[in-house]
Amino acid sequence: MIFAIGPAALDMSLPLAIAAVLSGGIFGGHRSPISDTNILSSAGSSCDHIDHVRAQLPYALSTGVAGSLPFSSPA
């Protein structure tokens, strides 16, 4: 038996699937302590790296939740 994987299997449009993947990648980049943007921004502002990551947490989580709502609502 062959299983279908992808937007067609979920009855989802291709642009919506691409947008969901890109949004998740951006969220992961903002949330990850080993992300290059987090490392460079904390080094450029001369602040402690872990303090910078902790300061970004509320913003990343609130925008991550707000961004996931359109993808989880039924069409």
C-alpha atoms as a PDB file:
ATOM      1  CA  MET A   1       0.000   0.000   0.000  1.00  0.00           C
ATOM      2  CA  ILE A   2       1.348   3.432  -0.941  1.00  0.00           C
ATOM      3  CA  PHE A   3       0.752   6.350   1.384  1.00  0.00           C
ATOM      4  CA  ALA A   4       0.361   9.840  -0.023  1.00  0.00           C
ATOM      5  CA  ILE A   5       2.477  12.515   1.609  1.00  0.00           C
ATOM      6  CA  GLY A   6       2.094  16.192   0.939  1.00  0.00           C
ATOM      7  CA  PRO A   7      -0.541  18.891   0.555  1.00  0.00           C
ATOM      8  CA  ALA A   8      -2.784  16.683  -1.599  1.00  0.00           C
ATOM      9  CA  ALA A   9      -2.975  14.073   1.162  1.00  0.00           C
ATOM     10  CA  LEU A  10      -4.149  16.731   3.616  1.00  0.00           C
ATOM     11  CA  ASP A  11      -6.489  18.407   1.121  1.00  0.00           C
ATOM     12  CA  MET A  12      -4.446  21.610   1.468  1.00  0.00           C
ATOM     13  CA  SER A  13      -3.374  24.079  -1.166  1.00  0.00           C
ATOM     14  CA  LEU A  14       0.291  24.106  -2.150  1.00  0.00           C
ATOM     15  CA  PRO A  15       0.853  27.827  -1.336  1.00  0.00           C
ATOM     16  CA  LEU A  16      -0.603  27.287   2.138  1.00  0.00           C
ATOM     17  CA  ALA A  17       1.698  24.299   2.725  1.00  0.00           C
ATOM     18  CA  ILE A  18       4.735  26.298   1.572  1.00  0.00           C
ATOM     19  CA  ALA A  19       3.732  29.205   3.822  1.00  0.00           C
ATOM     20  CA  ALA A  20       3.387  26.868   6.809  1.00  0.00           C
ATOM     21  CA  VAL A  21       6.837  25.369   6.258  1.00  0.00           C
ATOM     22  CA  LEU A  22       8.485  28.783   5.836  1.00  0.00           C
ATOM     23  CA  SER A  23       6.722  30.175   8.909  1.00  0.00           C
ATOM     24  CA  GLY A  24       7.892  27.235  10.991  1.00  0.00           C
ATOM     25  CA  GLY A  25      11.444  27.724   9.786  1.00  0.00           C
ATOM     26  CA  ILE A  26      11.408  31.398  10.691  1.00  0.00           C
ATOM     27  CA  PHE A  27       9.964  30.599  14.123  1.00  0.00           C
ATOM     28  CA  GLY A  28      12.703  28.022  14.686  1.00  0.00           C
ATOM     29  CA  GLY A  29      15.370  30.504  13.656  1.00  0.00           C
ATOM     30  CA  HIS A  30      14.123  33.063  16.163  1.00  0.00           C
ATOM     31  CA  ARG A  31      13.725  30.542  18.956  1.00  0.00           C
ATOM     32  CA  SER A  32      16.925  28.531  18.585  1.00  0.00           C
ATOM     33  CA  PRO A  33      19.883  29.584  20.756  1.00  0.00           C
ATOM     34  CA  ILE A  34      22.300  28.289  18.103  1.00  0.00           C
ATOM     35  CA  SER A  35      20.742  30.289  15.275  1.00  0.00           C
ATOM     36  CA  ASP A  36      23.208  32.489  13.416  1.00  0.00           C
ATOM     37  CA  THR A  37      20.932  35.528  13.693  1.00  0.00           C
ATOM     38  CA  ASN A  38      20.667  35.143  17.466  1.00  0.00           C
ATOM     39  CA  ILE A  39      24.418  34.722  17.853  1.00  0.00           C
ATOM     40  CA  LEU A  40      25.249  37.697  15.646  1.00  0.00           C
ATOM     41  CA  SER A  41      22.660  40.010  17.193  1.00  0.00           C
ATOM     42  CA  SER A  42      23.767  39.233  20.738  1.00  0.00           C
ATOM     43  CA  ALA A  43      27.425  39.670  19.767  1.00  0.00           C
ATOM     44  CA  GLY A  44      26.681  42.897  17.895  1.00  0.00           C
ATOM     45  CA  SER A  45      24.844  44.387  20.858  1.00  0.00           C
ATOM     46  CA  SER A  46      27.475  43.163  23.336  1.00  0.00           C
ATOM     47  CA  CYS A  47      24.946  41.402  25.552  1.00  0.00           C
ATOM     48  CA  ASP A  48      25.025  37.933  27.035  1.00  0.00           C
ATOM     49  CA  HIS A  49      23.845  35.420  24.467  1.00  0.00           C
ATOM     50  CA  ILE A  50      21.530  33.465  26.776  1.00  0.00           C
ATOM     51  CA  ASP A  51      19.994  36.704  28.084  1.00  0.00           C
ATOM     52  CA  HIS A  52      19.268  37.702  24.488  1.00  0.00           C
ATOM     53  CA  VAL A  53      17.625  34.344  23.750  1.00  0.00           C
ATOM     54  CA  ARG A  54      15.491  34.607  26.904  1.00  0.00           C
ATOM     55  CA  ALA A  55      14.461  38.155  25.986  1.00  0.00           C
ATOM     56  CA  GLN A  56      13.302  36.957  22.544  1.00  0.00           C
ATOM     57  CA  LEU A  57      11.178  34.114  23.969  1.00  0.00           C
ATOM     58  CA  PRO A  58       7.938  36.050  24.649  1.00  0.00           C
ATOM     59  CA  TYR A  59       8.035  37.674  21.204  1.00  0.00           C
ATOM     60  CA  ALA A  60       8.794  34.430  19.405  1.00  0.00           C
ATOM     61  CA  LEU A  61       6.092  32.479  21.238  1.00  0.00           C
ATOM     62  CA  SER A  62       3.394  35.126  20.805  1.00  0.00           C
ATOM     63  CA  THR A  63       4.056  35.508  17.085  1.00  0.00           C
ATOM     64  CA  GLY A  64       4.408  31.734  16.715  1.00  0.00           C
ATOM     65  CA  VAL A  65       0.989  31.150  18.259  1.00  0.00           C
ATOM     66  CA  ALA A  66      -0.579  33.980  16.268  1.00  0.00           C
ATOM     67  CA  GLY A  67       0.991  32.679  13.071  1.00  0.00           C
ATOM     68  CA  SER A  68      -0.113  29.097  13.637  1.00  0.00           C
ATOM     69  CA  LEU A  69      -3.774  29.993  14.062  1.00  0.00           C
ATOM     70  CA  PRO A  70      -4.494  30.590  10.353  1.00  0.00           C
ATOM     71  CA  PHE A  71      -2.867  27.266   9.471  1.00  0.00           C
ATOM     72  CA  SER A  72      -4.862  25.309  12.029  1.00  0.00           C
ATOM     73  CA  SER A  73      -8.312  26.746  11.272  1.00  0.00           C
ATOM     74  CA  PRO A  74     -10.514  24.778   8.897  1.00  0.00           C
ATOM     75  CA  ALA A  75     -10.916  26.210   5.416  1.00  0.00           C
END
